Structure formats: C-alpha cells, structure tokens
Amino acid sequence: MKTRPGQRLQSVLSPHILSSLVLAICVAATAVLWQGARADAERDARSEFEMQVRVLLNNLDQRMRIYAQVLYGVQGLFTSSEQVSRDEFHTYLAGQQLQQHFPGIQGIGYMALLVPEQLDAYVERVRRNGVAGYRVHPAGLRDWYAAITYLEPATVANARAIGFDSASEPVRRAALEQARDTGLPALTARIRLIQELEQEAPVQAGFLMALPLYRHGAPVATVAQRRAALTGWVYAPFRMDDLMAGLGGPSVSRLDVEIYDGSSISAATRMYDSLPDSLQRSRVSQRQFAIGGRVWTLQISSADSNVAGERKATLLGLAGLLFSALLAGLTFQLAQSRVRARTAQNYAEALTGDLRERETLLLDLASEEQRSQATIRSILDATMDGILVEDPQGEVLNVNRRLREMWHLPEHLDWQSDGAALRAHMAQQLRPPVQAALLVSVPDCTAGWPAEGELSVLYLRDGRVVEQHTRQLQLGSTAARLHSFHDITERTRAIQREQTRRQVLELLATGAPLQSILESVVRGVEAGNEDMLCSVLLREGDGNHLLVGAAPSLPVFFNAAVHGQALSDMPGPCSQAVQLGRRVIVADIANTPALGEYRQQAMQAGLGSCWADPIFGASGNVLGAFAIYHRSARLPSMAHITLIEQAAQLAGIAIEQARAAQALRAGEARFRSLYDHAPVALWEQDWSGVRQALHELDLAGIDDLAGYLQAHPAQLEYLAAQVHIVDVNAAGLAQVGARADRQDLAQLTLAQIFDSSAMPNFALALAALVQGQSIFSCEASFRRLDGVARHNELTLLVMPGHGHSLDFLIVSTVDTTERRRMHDELHQLATTDALTGLPNRREFMHQLELEHSRLQRAPESPASVLLLDVDHFKRINDEYGHAAGDRVLQQLAERMNAGRRKIDMLGRIGGEEFAMLLPATALPAAELMAERLRARVAERPMQLEDGVEITVTVSIGLARLDAAEAQGAHALSRADQALYAAKRAGRNRVLLAQD
C-alpha cells in the first residue's frame, strides 16, 4: 500500500519529537508575545512620565507667574501712594499671608535706589523711623546702591538682610539693571541668600525676583526714561528647596528633578536636586524653562519601573508557558493516539491555531484599550477646565482632576456609583436660588438632548463665577453629554470693577456729590454679588465720629442708629476697623456678645455677618470703613477678601478725589488773591508759540534739544521771542523796577526772567518741558528795566491740564543778588586764613579728605602730604615784635604759593605751621620738592617793613597718603611726627615719616 507524504511525515515524527517541536513553537510564540507586552508597558510608562513632566513644568510656570503677580501687587501699593511707610508695607503683606499661600517665597522686600550723596541722610532717616541699628552694607563707595529697607515677614533670617546693598554683588546687580531697563520682573542667577548662615545646614541655592519702581508721573517709554525715573525695586527672595516643595502632587514627587541655572548642566550651576542620592534612571527628559529673563535647564528623570506592565507581561509569559506545556502534552497524547483518532488530531491542530489567533487578537485589543485610556486621562487631567461626562440616563461616566479641585469634591464621595450625590454636592455650593437645571440635570429620555453649545453662568457661594458649557458627543455607540466648567471669576470682576471705576470717574468729572459717588461704588459691588449689602462710613469732623456716606440697601433705622456715633461708643466691626487700621471679620453677629448694642441693632436689621475694611487715603490716614453684610453667618473666601480690598481702595480714591475737587473749587477763589498779594514775584506766561516751534524741531529729527539750542543761539533767541507775558503781580513789577500801575507791562520780555547770559538755562528749561516735566527750577540772571543786571532763583510750573498746549505757565522768581554776594563773602571768611590768604585748617582738611576718597577709588595713583614749621619763630616775635612775625608768615606763604603746582593745595594749619597736599606725587618726588622749598626759604632773607632783613629756616615732615587708612588725617599726623623728628635732629631739614 502506497503511503501519502503526510503519512510518511507522521511516521517519521515520533510522539516525543512532535511534542517537543510543538513546545518549542509555543515557547517561541510566548516569548514574542512577552516581548511585545514589555514594549507596550514601557511605552505606557514613558507616556505617563512625559505627562508628569508636563504637569511639573506647568505647575512651576503657574507658581512663578503667581509670584510675579504678588510683586505687581506690591508695585501697585507703591504706585498708589507717594510714600509707603514701614507700617503700611507690613500691614499690606500681613494680609497676603505669604508663608501660608506662597510656598518657597522667603518674603517680599523693598530696595531703595540711592546715590552716594543720599546715603548718610537715608540711613539716618531709616533709623529715626524705628530701625535703630540700620546700616547699608557691605561698606564701600559705589556708583549707586540698592539698599534693602523693608522685608516682610519680619523673621530672624530676614532681619539679616535689612540694609544689604544688592548692587554690591554682580549677580544681583545684573538682575536689578535688567528689571530697571525693561520694566519687567527679572530673576538673578543662582545666589546664596543673605538669610542663609554658614552654620545652618543644609544651605539651599536661592535667587531673587525683582520688579522696578518708577517715580510717579515720570515717562517710562524708553530705557533712558526708565533709568531716570527709577526709585527702587520690590523683590522676593526664594530658596529652591522650599519653592519646589509640594509642586506637582504625589505622582510628581517620585521624579528626580534637577534644576540648573542657564543652558549648561554642571555641579556649579545646579540649583535643585529632589533626589540627590538617586543613581539609576530609567527615563530622562531635559527641558528649558524661561522666566524673568533667565533660562533654567530642568533634567527630570524617573527610576520607577512599570510594575503593573511588568506583572502583566510576566503573567502573559507564564500563561504562555503553561499553555505551551499543556499543548505539548496534548500533542503527545494525540500523537500516541493518531492512528486511532486521526480526525481528532486534525481537529485539535486546527483548534490550536484558532486559539493562538484569538489570543493574539485579544492581547492587541487590550493593549490598544490601555493606551487609549491613558491618553484620554492625561488630556483630561491636563486641561485647565473642569470636565464632567454623563450618559443619557444621568450616570456620571468620568470627571477630571480640575473639576474635583474646582468643586472641592471630598475623597469619600463616590461619584462613579452615585451621580446624584455629586450633583447635590455641586448644587450646595451655588448661591440661592439654586439653578439646578443649569448645572448637570438629568434630561428626560423622551425630551431629547439640550441644544448644541448650551452656555450657562454659575455663581458660587464663595464669590467665584463659573462658566458652564454643555455639548453632545458620541462615545463609541453610546451617546453622551459633556459639561465643561471654566472659572471666569477674575474676568467678571475685572469687567465689574472697570464699569464701576468708569462710572465713578464720570461722576467725579461732573462734580457730583460725594454721596452719589459712594452709592455708585456700593451698587457696583452689590450688582455682582446679589446676597451682599454694602455700606461706606466716613470719618468726619474731629475724627472721632463716623457718618453714613452710602448704604442704599441697609434699613433706614440701622443707618440712623450708626450715623454720627462716636468711635468709642460703637463696638461694631466698622469702628474697630477704623481704630485698628486693619480688616475686622465678624462671621456670626448673633453669637458675638462683645458687640453690645450694635449686635441688637444688626439682628433687628436681619444681618448675620459683617466684614469691614479700613479705607486709607494716599498719605496712609484712615478715611473711614467699607463694610459688607450678609443675611446669614458667613466667613469670607479669598475672592471675597480681594473684593473688599478693591472696593475699599476705590472708595478711598473717590473720597479723596471728591474732597480734592471741593477744595479746588474753594481754592480757586483764593488763588487770585494769593497771586496778587504774594511776596514772591509771580509771572503768568503763554508759551504756546514755543510749543509750536518745538514741535517743528521734533519733526526735523532733533534728539538732543539742549545741545542743539546751545549750538544755535539764533534759534534760541527766536524761541525766547515766542514767550508772551500775560500778567505779573506787584512783587514782580517791583523786582524789575516797573511801575505799580502796570503801565510798563508791554515793555516786559523774557529778559526780565532770563537775560542773554542766562540763555543756556532757558535751553535746559525747554528740554525739560519737551521731556514731559511740569516743573523746572534753576538759578539765572535777569535785567531790570533800568538796565541793571541781577541774579535770581526761578521755578517754572506748567499748570495742570496745559502740558500739551503750554498756554498757562506760572514762573516764580526771587532776587538773590544780595544773598549771593553775602554767601560769597561768608564762604571766603569761612575757608581762608585772614593773615596769609591761604586756605585755613578747616578747608585744607576738607580737601585732604576729598583727595583721600579719590585715592581709595584709584589706589594706584600716589599722593603725599607736607607739613612745614618755622624754626625759632618765637624768637622772631620776641626780638622784632608780632608785626614782624606776621610779615614773615606772609612772605613764607607767598614763596610757598609761588613754587607750587596748579594741582597742589596749600593751607595754614595754625600759628607758624603750614601744610601742602601733593596729588599724583610719590614720596621721592615730594622729598625733592620739599628740599627745594626749604633751600629757597633759607637762601633768601625775609624783608621786614623797616628794611631789616632776617634769615629764616624751616623744618619739613613728609608722609605718604595711604588709601588703606580710614582717614586722610592719619597721613598728616605721621607728617607731624616726621616734622618734630626733623626739629630734634637740628632743624632746617626734611625728614620722611616711617610707614
């Protein structure tokens, strides 16, 4: 019988060989599947790692932007006030609760910009204001200083930084200059904070974020203008470990995060390492992060392995091996019985192939589903909006992390199995009446779905405003509905604030009564918060009583009870806020017995809580209080606190502006009387013609106006001719010798203020006006109508509202001719020796210290001091009389003056002692000059008035001016010692001091 090829093959393959072959094939297939599962697990782990990196970067960016906004808030405090005191600075930042709400920030500080001439006076002023030991350190002379004056909170570590000059250190100075020139927040490179001590461990890397402060009203459009207008900086010091604490949540905490300053990665630039001992890294990502003009390089790594994926791959491998073993055993059994069950064997082989295909298909589907779920979850959790997905029956399918944070879902709330509990929790946070239908209502299955793009605005009890957007989507074969929630609190409040501010400004511009303006402020706050009842109480009269300024929503009897009450008789929150100068929160009026009679009145009016904030004026004085009432007991949220602060600030501006307008109207009547009878010469002038000429020069491209006018005198004279004198008071007429009946008014020109020799100052005044300055002061000369030239001090003031037209200027002038003459005479008497005409001891010591300061800035330049004394001068007085001695001293001064260089400084120290300061002169050259002087005195006798000649000798001591010494007087003391050594050695000689 002829066998078929298949039968021949089966006869060759024994059961053992066949089962081994099947086992090998199955093990190989299992290995392939196991490797594929491991690769899928690694891809999932990598995707999760990248998501964690993005979350970390987003959180770091958001945190740094929040800190920048904090500095902008402090900048706003300085912008809204002419001068912020230490107490105001402390009060403002105490309300911010930095350590609670802003991790990583060590404090908020203020640096004052100082030049060397301001340093001593500024230190003394800070000490008088309560900081007894205040000093600017490190010591040394610099072009400018950035002295830390305020730093909150007032901790022991922060106290070490008070007075530190940040401009003394190059890294800090570079960031300050960047902030100054850009007007934006700037970060320093890696630094060691002053708050860190060597003995304190561990020492964290730190950096500063600085924001510039500019002078009120000064233009800041260009870099030059910003540099000219700079007054200081507000800044915040950070420690990197504290900054990164808690950033990103538990999932990110397993990452090894390293932060480097700049684009390079090295130990010298490392600022932060979350896991310094971590050596094994399975995944690494490098990102660059830019903020405040600095670039940080982040190296983020993870040593975690995908345990779940590895376990799944392992289970798959074990199952495959078990399946392979079972299949091999079955193959062996089938091979044993292949003769008896040929059909069964073929069926088993077909079944094995089918199972293998189904297993592969199931594994592929499971892997794809896992990747899809991970991608969807990453997208949902990374979005900034809250997301809720439900099916047509109202069952909640999914919510993202942002929705749980926005609605404060507790951990124990099982939203997946109880959608009604989730909706109830969300509805409880809405302001009554609860609009449940606008939230996540379950639609009637017969009513159909809502219209595409349905949009609702929700108002929460804590003051937030949330925009809800509903739309349909298809999840596979199942219809679903997606609700997105976007927090628009800040945008809504900004719109409301702008509307209220615009309305208040319009009322102020039209001269509306203060009560109407304050009612507009109150209704603006109540319009966006229907459950709030607001009032403004004003501090009037002697400052010990409060008057109701505006309270349109409160009961009349309650306002009448409060109106006119003395502060001492009112235990309520408003009176406490005015007296204490800080916010007062009474969350439950009914359960606060300390309120006394005020409690009964408030309960009768149906008021359950009151939050009162003091209203401050620009100078820091308390103008009154802004209060927010609720019908029920309630504590304010952070949004509410921000609202009441902004409302109190707007009310303060409105009160001061309204009062200022009233005072302005009353002052206008007095202005003319003051103008006519002022003891100072006042000139009303029209410079509109000058404005037109200056505009033409600007169109011609003239940048340096002052320099151009100095180089073109004819153009300057043309501009002077465009000035028209409109009026002058009696003092001005008398100053220039004009008639009191104003008959000479037509003869008055700019020469009576700036004569021809004062034209350079007139050019500077024009340049100041072009730069936007409204006031200019200088010294000049003028010419009376009788032709006599005199000196004056003048102040040129552009009246408010006339800066663009220059048609209304007031110039005040004071004749300083006699004062300058007396000043010159007094200066001569104070600095000159009357006998010799040389500088006296005081003037010489002053010049000595100036040279010593210059030497400290340029220590490579030498300088010497010479001290001279007449030998046996007492004998001359005794033999020839004191007149002869005076004659000798005068001739000696003439000879010293004749032999000196232009840069040398002479002085009579006292009696017969003279000194000479020799700049840029080393001791050998100084010794040669001193020897020539000694010989010149000794070789030529002195001539007395009666013709008698006497020979005089001098002894001279020399010393080097040392920049390392604290004062220049030390060199004079050493020269004095060398002088007396010369006298002891026999006189008539020059000796050098021993260093």
Foldseek 3Di string as FASTA:
>chain_A
DDDDPVVVVLVVQALVNQLVVLLVVLLVVLVVLLVVLQVLQVVLVVVVVVLLVVQLQVLLVVLVVVVQVVQVVVLVLCQLFQDQAQVNVAQVVVVVVCVVPRWFWPWKWWWFKAAVVCQVVVQVVLCVSPPVPAEADDDDHDRIFGATDYTPPPDPLVVQRHNYTLCVDVQSVVQVLVQLQPQGKAKGAWDFDSSDDPPDPPGAIKMKIKGWHFRHPFDNPHSVSSVVGTGTIMMIMGGVVRNSPCRSHDVSLQKFKWKFWADDDDPVRTRDTSDVPDDDFPDWDWDWDDDRNTIMIIIITHNDGSVVSNVVSVVSSVVSSVVSSVVSVVSSVCSVCCVVCVVVNVVVVVVVVVVSVVVVVVSVVVSVVVVVVSVVLSVQQPDQKWKWKAALQQQTDDTHPNVCVVLVPDPPDPCNVCVVVVLVSSQVFFDPPRPSVVPRDRDDPVVDDDDAFDWDWTATPQGWIKIWTKHWDDDDPGIMIMIIIDTCRVVVVVVLLVVLLVVLVVCLVVLHDLLVSLQSLQVSLCVSPVQKFKWWWFQDDPRQATATSYGVPFDPVLNVVRGGDGLVVFLDQFSVCQVVVAKDWFQALCPPCSRPPNSVSCVVRQWGIKIKHFQAASNGHTGTIMMITGNHRDDHDPSVVVSRVSSSPSSNVSVVSSVVVVVVVVCVVVVVVCQQPPLWKKWKKFQLVLLVVVVVVVVVVDDPQLVVCVVPVVVLVVSQQSMGTDDIHQNLCVVQVHDSVCPCVVVDGCLQPANPVRSSVVSVVVVCLVSPDFKDKDKHWHAHPVGDIFIKIKMKGQDPPCSNRRGTIMMTIDTCRVVVVVVVVVVQVVQADPLQRAGEQVNVQVVLQVLLSVCLVVVVQWKKKKKKAWPPLVVCCVPPNVLQSSQLLNVLSVLVVVLDDPVKGKYAHDDRMIMIIGTSDDPVRVQVSVLVSQCVQQVAFGADPVRDTDGIGMFMFMFIQHSVDPGSVVRVVQSVVQRVVCVVVPGSHYGYGDD
